[in-house]
Structures are given as C-alpha cells and as structure tokens.
Amino acid sequence: MTDPQTPEKLPSSSSSSSSSSSKSTPETSTKYSGQKKLHYPNPPESTIPDPETLREQWRFAIRQYSRWYSQAWGSAILAGLSFFALARLIDALLLLQSLLMDLWLDATTVRKMHHCPLPS
C-alpha cells in the first residue's frame, strides 16, 4: 500500500517516445531534463462536494489546527521551563563551587597563619 502523502512515479514513456521521436510536441520542449511525471494517489475532486461534506471537512480542519496549535504552545512552554530550570541549576552549582572555594581558601590561610599542616 502506498503512502498517501508521497507521490508515485509513473512509468516513463521512453518506449513510446522513441517510436515517435520524429514528432516534436510542445509538451516535451518545455520540460526540463530532470523533471519526472508524478501521480498523486489522492487527486482533487472533479466536482464541488455538497455543503454538508464541506462543513464536516471544515470542522475537522479546525479541530486539527487547534490540536496542533495547543501542542506547539505546550512544547514551547515545556522547553522554556526546561531551559529556565537548567539555567538555575547551573547558576546554583557555580555559586556552590564559588562558596566552597572561598571556604577552602579561608581554611588554608588560617592554617598557614597558625602553622598547621594541611591534611592529606
């Protein structure tokens, strides 16, 4: 089964074009060399659907958009809170490291002043 989101490649018409290579059509002259014909599994409708179907499709589209919009906001809020918490954690760790370094330096200067040996 094919994915409805990806187009399918049609078989190339090289065998039919080789037999009629003497004829030049305006279609082939406007195409680029890398262009390929694509067939979409869900083509647009040829007629306008009835109003009830359009209302149902419109309601479905609104529900989908609302769901995606709320999920995007939820993800953004969660990411913001995560980065805020990470910044606070790093800030606290740096403050703790700074305080411990100050305490250690104070302890070593007191020991040096009283000629106490440093513990090993």
N, C-alpha and C. Protein backbone atom coordinates (compact mmCIF):
# COMPACT_ATOMS: atom_id res chain seq x y z
N MET A 1 0.85 -1.18 0.00
CA MET A 1 0.00 0.00 0.00
C MET A 1 0.89 1.23 0.00
N THR A 2 0.55 2.21 -0.76
CA THR A 2 1.38 3.40 -0.87
C THR A 2 0.97 4.43 0.16
N ASP A 3 1.92 5.26 0.53
CA ASP A 3 1.68 6.35 1.47
C ASP A 3 0.91 7.45 0.76
N PRO A 4 -0.21 7.96 1.31
CA PRO A 4 -0.99 8.98 0.61
C PRO A 4 -0.28 10.33 0.54
N GLN A 5 0.79 10.51 1.30
CA GLN A 5 1.48 11.79 1.29
C GLN A 5 2.56 11.88 0.21
N THR A 6 3.03 10.74 -0.27
CA THR A 6 4.11 10.77 -1.25
C THR A 6 3.57 10.41 -2.63
N PRO A 7 3.97 11.17 -3.64
CA PRO A 7 3.51 10.87 -4.99
C PRO A 7 4.19 9.63 -5.55
N GLU A 8 3.51 8.98 -6.46
CA GLU A 8 4.08 7.81 -7.11
C GLU A 8 4.65 8.20 -8.47
N LYS A 9 5.70 7.52 -8.88
CA LYS A 9 6.29 7.78 -10.19
C LYS A 9 5.56 6.96 -11.24
N LEU A 10 5.21 7.60 -12.30
CA LEU A 10 4.61 6.88 -13.42
C LEU A 10 5.71 6.24 -14.24
N PRO A 11 5.42 5.14 -14.89
CA PRO A 11 6.44 4.54 -15.75
C PRO A 11 6.78 5.52 -16.88
N SER A 12 8.05 5.59 -17.18
CA SER A 12 8.47 6.54 -18.21
C SER A 12 7.97 6.08 -19.58
N SER A 13 7.68 7.04 -20.40
CA SER A 13 7.16 6.73 -21.72
C SER A 13 8.27 6.81 -22.76
N SER A 14 9.44 6.26 -22.42
CA SER A 14 10.57 6.33 -23.34
C SER A 14 10.36 5.41 -24.54
N SER A 15 9.67 4.28 -24.35
CA SER A 15 9.45 3.38 -25.48
C SER A 15 8.49 4.02 -26.48
N SER A 16 7.47 4.72 -26.00
CA SER A 16 6.54 5.35 -26.93
C SER A 16 7.15 6.59 -27.56
N SER A 17 8.05 7.26 -26.83
CA SER A 17 8.66 8.46 -27.40
C SER A 17 9.73 8.10 -28.42
N SER A 18 10.34 6.91 -28.28
CA SER A 18 11.36 6.54 -29.25
C SER A 18 10.74 6.20 -30.61
N SER A 19 9.52 5.66 -30.58
CA SER A 19 8.88 5.34 -31.85
C SER A 19 8.38 6.60 -32.55
N SER A 20 8.03 7.61 -31.77
CA SER A 20 7.55 8.85 -32.37
C SER A 20 8.54 9.98 -32.11
N SER A 21 9.83 9.67 -32.22
CA SER A 21 10.85 10.67 -31.94
C SER A 21 10.93 11.74 -33.01
N SER A 22 10.41 11.45 -34.19
CA SER A 22 10.46 12.46 -35.26
C SER A 22 9.46 13.57 -35.00
N LYS A 23 8.39 13.27 -34.24
CA LYS A 23 7.40 14.30 -33.93
C LYS A 23 7.85 15.07 -32.70
N SER A 24 7.80 16.37 -32.77
CA SER A 24 8.18 17.21 -31.64
C SER A 24 6.92 17.85 -31.08
N THR A 25 6.62 17.57 -29.82
CA THR A 25 5.43 18.15 -29.19
C THR A 25 5.85 19.31 -28.32
N PRO A 26 5.00 20.30 -28.14
CA PRO A 26 5.35 21.43 -27.29
C PRO A 26 5.49 21.04 -25.82
N GLU A 27 4.86 19.93 -25.40
CA GLU A 27 4.98 19.49 -24.01
C GLU A 27 6.41 19.12 -23.66
N THR A 28 7.05 18.34 -24.52
CA THR A 28 8.39 17.87 -24.21
C THR A 28 9.42 18.98 -24.33
N SER A 29 9.13 20.01 -25.12
CA SER A 29 10.11 21.08 -25.27
C SER A 29 10.13 22.00 -24.05
N THR A 30 9.05 22.05 -23.27
CA THR A 30 9.02 22.92 -22.09
C THR A 30 9.50 22.23 -20.84
N LYS A 31 9.70 20.93 -20.87
CA LYS A 31 10.13 20.20 -19.68
C LYS A 31 11.64 20.27 -19.53
N TYR A 32 12.05 20.22 -18.30
CA TYR A 32 13.48 20.17 -18.00
C TYR A 32 13.95 18.73 -18.06
N SER A 33 15.25 18.55 -18.13
CA SER A 33 15.78 17.19 -18.27
C SER A 33 15.55 16.36 -17.01
N GLY A 34 15.54 16.98 -15.83
CA GLY A 34 15.38 16.22 -14.59
C GLY A 34 13.94 16.09 -14.15
N GLN A 35 13.01 16.62 -14.90
CA GLN A 35 11.61 16.59 -14.49
C GLN A 35 11.02 15.20 -14.66
N LYS A 36 10.17 14.80 -13.71
CA LYS A 36 9.53 13.49 -13.78
C LYS A 36 8.04 13.68 -13.60
N LYS A 37 7.28 12.81 -14.23
CA LYS A 37 5.83 12.85 -14.06
C LYS A 37 5.49 12.20 -12.73
N LEU A 38 4.63 12.85 -11.96
CA LEU A 38 4.23 12.33 -10.67
C LEU A 38 2.73 12.09 -10.67
N HIS A 39 2.35 11.02 -10.03
CA HIS A 39 0.93 10.70 -9.88
C HIS A 39 0.60 10.74 -8.40
N TYR A 40 -0.33 11.59 -8.01
CA TYR A 40 -0.72 11.70 -6.62
C TYR A 40 -1.87 10.73 -6.35
N PRO A 41 -1.79 9.94 -5.28
CA PRO A 41 -2.81 8.93 -5.02
C PRO A 41 -4.16 9.54 -4.62
N ASN A 42 -4.19 10.79 -4.19
CA ASN A 42 -5.43 11.41 -3.78
C ASN A 42 -5.64 12.69 -4.60
N PRO A 43 -6.08 12.56 -5.86
CA PRO A 43 -6.21 13.74 -6.71
C PRO A 43 -7.39 14.62 -6.25
N PRO A 44 -7.42 15.88 -6.66
CA PRO A 44 -8.53 16.74 -6.28
C PRO A 44 -9.84 16.25 -6.90
N GLU A 45 -10.93 16.62 -6.26
CA GLU A 45 -12.23 16.17 -6.76
C GLU A 45 -12.58 16.93 -8.03
N SER A 46 -13.29 16.26 -8.91
CA SER A 46 -13.66 16.89 -10.18
C SER A 46 -14.92 17.74 -10.03
N THR A 47 -15.72 17.45 -9.00
CA THR A 47 -16.94 18.24 -8.76
C THR A 47 -16.88 18.85 -7.37
N ILE A 48 -17.67 19.88 -7.16
CA ILE A 48 -17.72 20.52 -5.85
C ILE A 48 -18.58 19.65 -4.93
N PRO A 49 -18.05 19.30 -3.73
CA PRO A 49 -18.83 18.45 -2.83
C PRO A 49 -20.03 19.21 -2.26
N ASP A 50 -20.95 18.46 -1.70
CA ASP A 50 -22.15 19.09 -1.14
C ASP A 50 -21.80 19.88 0.12
N PRO A 51 -22.64 20.82 0.53
CA PRO A 51 -22.33 21.70 1.68
C PRO A 51 -22.09 20.94 2.98
N GLU A 52 -22.80 19.84 3.20
CA GLU A 52 -22.61 19.09 4.45
C GLU A 52 -21.20 18.50 4.51
N THR A 53 -20.72 17.98 3.40
CA THR A 53 -19.36 17.44 3.36
C THR A 53 -18.33 18.54 3.59
N LEU A 54 -18.56 19.69 2.99
CA LEU A 54 -17.63 20.81 3.19
C LEU A 54 -17.61 21.25 4.65
N ARG A 55 -18.80 21.29 5.29
CA ARG A 55 -18.86 21.66 6.71
C ARG A 55 -18.09 20.65 7.57
N GLU A 56 -18.28 19.38 7.26
CA GLU A 56 -17.58 18.34 8.02
C GLU A 56 -16.06 18.46 7.84
N GLN A 57 -15.61 18.68 6.61
CA GLN A 57 -14.18 18.84 6.36
C GLN A 57 -13.64 20.08 7.06
N TRP A 58 -14.43 21.15 7.07
CA TRP A 58 -14.00 22.39 7.71
C TRP A 58 -13.87 22.19 9.21
N ARG A 59 -14.84 21.50 9.82
CA ARG A 59 -14.78 21.23 11.26
C ARG A 59 -13.56 20.37 11.61
N PHE A 60 -13.32 19.36 10.77
CA PHE A 60 -12.16 18.51 11.00
C PHE A 60 -10.86 19.32 10.92
N ALA A 61 -10.78 20.20 9.92
CA ALA A 61 -9.57 21.02 9.76
C ALA A 61 -9.38 21.95 10.95
N ILE A 62 -10.47 22.52 11.45
CA ILE A 62 -10.36 23.41 12.62
C ILE A 62 -9.91 22.63 13.84
N ARG A 63 -10.45 21.43 14.05
CA ARG A 63 -10.03 20.61 15.19
C ARG A 63 -8.55 20.24 15.09
N GLN A 64 -8.11 19.86 13.89
CA GLN A 64 -6.70 19.51 13.71
C GLN A 64 -5.79 20.70 13.99
N TYR A 65 -6.16 21.87 13.44
CA TYR A 65 -5.34 23.06 13.64
C TYR A 65 -5.30 23.42 15.12
N SER A 66 -6.44 23.34 15.80
CA SER A 66 -6.48 23.67 17.23
C SER A 66 -5.59 22.72 18.02
N ARG A 67 -5.63 21.45 17.67
CA ARG A 67 -4.81 20.47 18.37
C ARG A 67 -3.32 20.76 18.14
N TRP A 68 -2.95 21.01 16.90
CA TRP A 68 -1.53 21.30 16.60
C TRP A 68 -1.08 22.59 17.27
N TYR A 69 -1.96 23.60 17.30
CA TYR A 69 -1.62 24.88 17.91
C TYR A 69 -1.39 24.71 19.41
N SER A 70 -2.26 23.97 20.07
CA SER A 70 -2.10 23.78 21.51
C SER A 70 -0.87 22.92 21.81
N GLN A 71 -0.61 21.93 20.97
CA GLN A 71 0.59 21.12 21.18
C GLN A 71 1.85 21.95 20.99
N ALA A 72 1.83 22.86 20.03
CA ALA A 72 3.01 23.71 19.81
C ALA A 72 3.24 24.62 21.01
N TRP A 73 2.16 25.21 21.55
CA TRP A 73 2.31 26.06 22.74
C TRP A 73 2.78 25.24 23.93
N GLY A 74 2.23 24.04 24.09
CA GLY A 74 2.67 23.20 25.19
C GLY A 74 4.14 22.85 25.09
N SER A 75 4.60 22.55 23.89
CA SER A 75 6.02 22.23 23.69
C SER A 75 6.90 23.44 23.96
N ALA A 76 6.44 24.62 23.53
CA ALA A 76 7.22 25.83 23.75
C ALA A 76 7.32 26.15 25.24
N ILE A 77 6.22 26.00 25.95
CA ILE A 77 6.23 26.27 27.40
C ILE A 77 7.12 25.27 28.12
N LEU A 78 7.03 24.00 27.75
CA LEU A 78 7.87 22.98 28.37
C LEU A 78 9.35 23.24 28.10
N ALA A 79 9.68 23.63 26.88
CA ALA A 79 11.08 23.93 26.55
C ALA A 79 11.56 25.14 27.34
N GLY A 80 10.71 26.16 27.45
CA GLY A 80 11.08 27.35 28.22
C GLY A 80 11.33 27.03 29.68
N LEU A 81 10.45 26.23 30.27
CA LEU A 81 10.63 25.85 31.68
C LEU A 81 11.89 24.99 31.85
N SER A 82 12.15 24.13 30.90
CA SER A 82 13.35 23.28 30.99
C SER A 82 14.62 24.11 30.94
N PHE A 83 14.67 25.06 30.02
CA PHE A 83 15.86 25.91 29.93
C PHE A 83 16.00 26.80 31.16
N PHE A 84 14.89 27.27 31.70
CA PHE A 84 14.94 28.08 32.92
C PHE A 84 15.49 27.25 34.07
N ALA A 85 14.98 26.02 34.21
CA ALA A 85 15.45 25.14 35.29
C ALA A 85 16.93 24.79 35.11
N LEU A 86 17.34 24.54 33.89
CA LEU A 86 18.75 24.23 33.63
C LEU A 86 19.64 25.42 33.99
N ALA A 87 19.21 26.61 33.63
CA ALA A 87 19.99 27.81 33.96
C ALA A 87 20.09 28.00 35.47
N ARG A 88 18.98 27.77 36.18
CA ARG A 88 19.01 27.90 37.64
C ARG A 88 19.93 26.86 38.27
N LEU A 89 19.92 25.65 37.75
CA LEU A 89 20.78 24.59 38.27
C LEU A 89 22.25 24.94 38.05
N ILE A 90 22.57 25.40 36.86
CA ILE A 90 23.97 25.78 36.58
C ILE A 90 24.39 26.94 37.47
N ASP A 91 23.50 27.90 37.64
CA ASP A 91 23.80 29.05 38.48
C ASP A 91 24.05 28.61 39.92
N ALA A 92 23.21 27.69 40.43
CA ALA A 92 23.38 27.21 41.80
C ALA A 92 24.68 26.43 41.96
N LEU A 93 25.01 25.63 40.96
CA LEU A 93 26.25 24.86 41.05
C LEU A 93 27.48 25.77 41.03
N LEU A 94 27.43 26.79 40.20
CA LEU A 94 28.56 27.72 40.16
C LEU A 94 28.68 28.51 41.46
N LEU A 95 27.55 28.88 42.06
CA LEU A 95 27.57 29.58 43.34
C LEU A 95 28.12 28.67 44.42
N LEU A 96 27.68 27.42 44.44
CA LEU A 96 28.17 26.46 45.43
C LEU A 96 29.67 26.23 45.26
N GLN A 97 30.13 26.11 44.03
CA GLN A 97 31.56 25.92 43.79
C GLN A 97 32.35 27.13 44.27
N SER A 98 31.81 28.31 44.01
CA SER A 98 32.48 29.53 44.45
C SER A 98 32.55 29.61 45.97
N LEU A 99 31.45 29.28 46.65
CA LEU A 99 31.45 29.31 48.12
C LEU A 99 32.40 28.29 48.70
N LEU A 100 32.42 27.09 48.14
CA LEU A 100 33.33 26.06 48.63
C LEU A 100 34.79 26.45 48.41
N MET A 101 35.06 27.07 47.29
CA MET A 101 36.43 27.52 47.02
C MET A 101 36.84 28.60 48.01
N ASP A 102 35.92 29.51 48.29
CA ASP A 102 36.23 30.56 49.28
C ASP A 102 36.47 29.97 50.66
N LEU A 103 35.64 29.00 51.06
CA LEU A 103 35.83 28.36 52.37
C LEU A 103 37.15 27.62 52.43
N TRP A 104 37.51 26.93 51.35
CA TRP A 104 38.77 26.19 51.33
C TRP A 104 39.95 27.15 51.40
N LEU A 105 39.87 28.27 50.65
CA LEU A 105 40.95 29.25 50.69
C LEU A 105 41.07 29.88 52.07
N ASP A 106 39.94 30.16 52.71
CA ASP A 106 39.98 30.72 54.07
C ASP A 106 40.59 29.71 55.04
N ALA A 107 40.24 28.44 54.90
CA ALA A 107 40.78 27.41 55.79
C ALA A 107 42.28 27.26 55.59
N THR A 108 42.75 27.32 54.36
CA THR A 108 44.19 27.18 54.13
C THR A 108 44.95 28.40 54.63
N THR A 109 44.39 29.58 54.50
CA THR A 109 45.11 30.77 55.01
C THR A 109 45.14 30.77 56.53
N VAL A 110 44.09 30.29 57.19
CA VAL A 110 44.09 30.21 58.66
C VAL A 110 45.12 29.20 59.11
N ARG A 111 45.21 28.06 58.43
CA ARG A 111 46.18 27.04 58.80
C ARG A 111 47.61 27.54 58.60
N LYS A 112 47.79 28.29 57.51
CA LYS A 112 49.14 28.81 57.25
C LYS A 112 49.53 29.83 58.31
N MET A 113 48.53 30.61 58.73
CA MET A 113 48.84 31.64 59.75
C MET A 113 49.16 30.99 61.09
N HIS A 114 48.52 29.84 61.40
CA HIS A 114 48.78 29.15 62.68
C HIS A 114 49.79 28.05 62.52
N HIS A 115 50.39 27.92 61.40
CA HIS A 115 51.41 26.90 61.11
C HIS A 115 50.91 25.50 61.34
N CYS A 116 49.66 25.25 60.91
CA CYS A 116 49.10 23.90 61.00
C CYS A 116 49.35 23.18 59.67
N PRO A 117 49.70 21.92 59.75
CA PRO A 117 49.90 21.18 58.48
C PRO A 117 48.57 20.90 57.81
N LEU A 118 48.59 20.89 56.49
CA LEU A 118 47.39 20.59 55.71
C LEU A 118 47.11 19.11 55.78
N PRO A 119 45.85 18.72 55.91
CA PRO A 119 45.55 17.29 55.93
C PRO A 119 45.79 16.67 54.56
N SER A 120 46.23 15.42 54.59
CA SER A 120 46.49 14.77 53.31
C SER A 120 45.54 13.68 53.03
